[in-house]
Amino acid sequence: MNKELMEALDILEKEKEISKETLFEAIENSLLTACKNHFGKADNVKVEIERETCDFLVYAEKEVVETADDVTDKCVQISLEDARELSKKASVGDILNVEIKSKEFGRIATQNAKNVILQKIREEERSVIYNQYYEKEKDVVTGVVQRYMGKNISINLGKADAVLNESEMVKGEVFRPTERIKVYILEVKSTPKGPRINVSRTHPELVKRLFESEVTEIKDGTVEIKSIAREAGSRTKIAVWSNNPNVDAVGACVGMNGARVNAIVEELRGEKIDIVNWDENPGQLIQNALSPAKIVAVFADPDEKTAKVVVPDYQLSLAIGKEGQNARLAARLTGYKIDIKSETQAKDAPGFRYEDYLDYEEGEYDEDEEDSESGYDIDEPEEDSESGYDIDEPEEDSEGGYDIDEPEADSEGGYDIDEPEADSEDGYDEDQPETDSEGGYDEDQPETDSEDGYDEDEPETDRKAGCEPEEYGESGEE
């Protein structure tokens, strides 16, 4: 048993994650290469290795000839005399396996064999690393910033180095060596020097993967991220949907006191994140996507993928956003081309009013439309005469005009409109008491009992008859 070889193979398998079978094949190829360098050719050389004990055997298949003079090529032929020393049963024409001792190889042959083994190990190591990171393509990994290579950054991902190009960096972000950051693997390429890994910090999927790792409901499928729109370093909008009616999609992504979303914002260096509810109704989805702006009306065309949005005058700038950012992200999130106008602008713009989308059938009219070319109103009564329409008017009383609930004339002077009759030539008596004397009228005063004055709040007594009220005495006087 070759313990040293077995231990070396075990260490390589653990550290490099290279299978033993691959290493055994590498050793076989190296021994064949050494034989070829030593003997000039190795077409008839065979190598056998015991997988359990790591013992190996190298032998050459040679043809037995009768005499040594008949041997033309020592690599493929052997005399009968020499063959009998190895096997007593050997005879002319037999194929005999002749062992080759590796210790007999020269320095050059041994060095070549070593290089073959090392080359195979390196190739397998590259292949293992490539397969390992190819499986992580379109995923987020954590790396350590190593150094700046011009405007690009080299990031150590553990077993391999990745390159963060300038085009995939967020504008304004500065990293220091040994700083740990999370990056999104864009592409993994296999090259002769090993796998080339390109990573990104601006890709929208980076935010999505961060939410998947941070929010348990997204990872188990209860909450889905339906769409995402991002302007790296500034703002991101994501639309989420809950498959469970008892789970609030937005609340699950925000977390307790914003703990979940704040962890993602911190990783993205302060980038703002808007989380909205996904809706199958395009109008409602566009309204949610334009939040925090308030929407008056949305006219969406699913076939043309266009939408016209009306907002209050004071909300127009908020709906559009800084340099059009809010409207631009909403358009990416929904997939609709969005045109936003204020209420004042929408009054004169076609396609921004409800009337533009109402279909009238031929022959049907609205209540406010005219009944005919002459301009008559549907709800108006029929014409009563040539002069006009009779709208609940009384019949004509005379040639002078219509009598509209007026009293009859009392005299030639005019009409008597609830006026009292005249008491004298001076004028009418309008609810006034009769005059007590020529001096004037007595207003709201009781009648006089005598010349001395009035008796206030006293019952009237018939002094002549001697009548008196019940509450007074029998004498008839107070």
Foldseek 3Di string as FASTA:
>chain_A
DPVVVVVVLVVLCVPLVDDSVLLVVLLQVLVLQLCCVQQVHRPQWGKDADPPPRDIWIWGKAAEADDPVPDPGPRHYDYPVVVCVVPVPDDHGDIDTGTDDPVPGDPVSNVSSVVSSVVSSVVVSLVVVLVVVVVQAQAKAKWFWADDDDQWTWTHRDSDIAIEHNVQDFPPDDDDGRDMAMWHWHDWDQDPVGIYTYTHLFDQSVLVNLLCVQQVCCVVVQKDFPFKFDDQPEEIETEMEGPDPVDDRVDSSQDDVSPRVVVSCVSSPNHYYHYFYDDPPLFVLLQRLLPPFHWDGKDADVVQLEIETEGAPVRQDSSCDDVSPSVVNSCRGSVHHYHYDYPVVLVPDPPSDPVNVDDDDPPDDDQPDAPDPVRDHPPFDDDDDPVGRDDVFDDCPDPVGGDHPFADCPDPVGRDDPFADCPDPVGRDDPFDDPPDPPDGDGPDDDDPDPVGRDPPDDDDDVVVLDADPPDDPVSDD
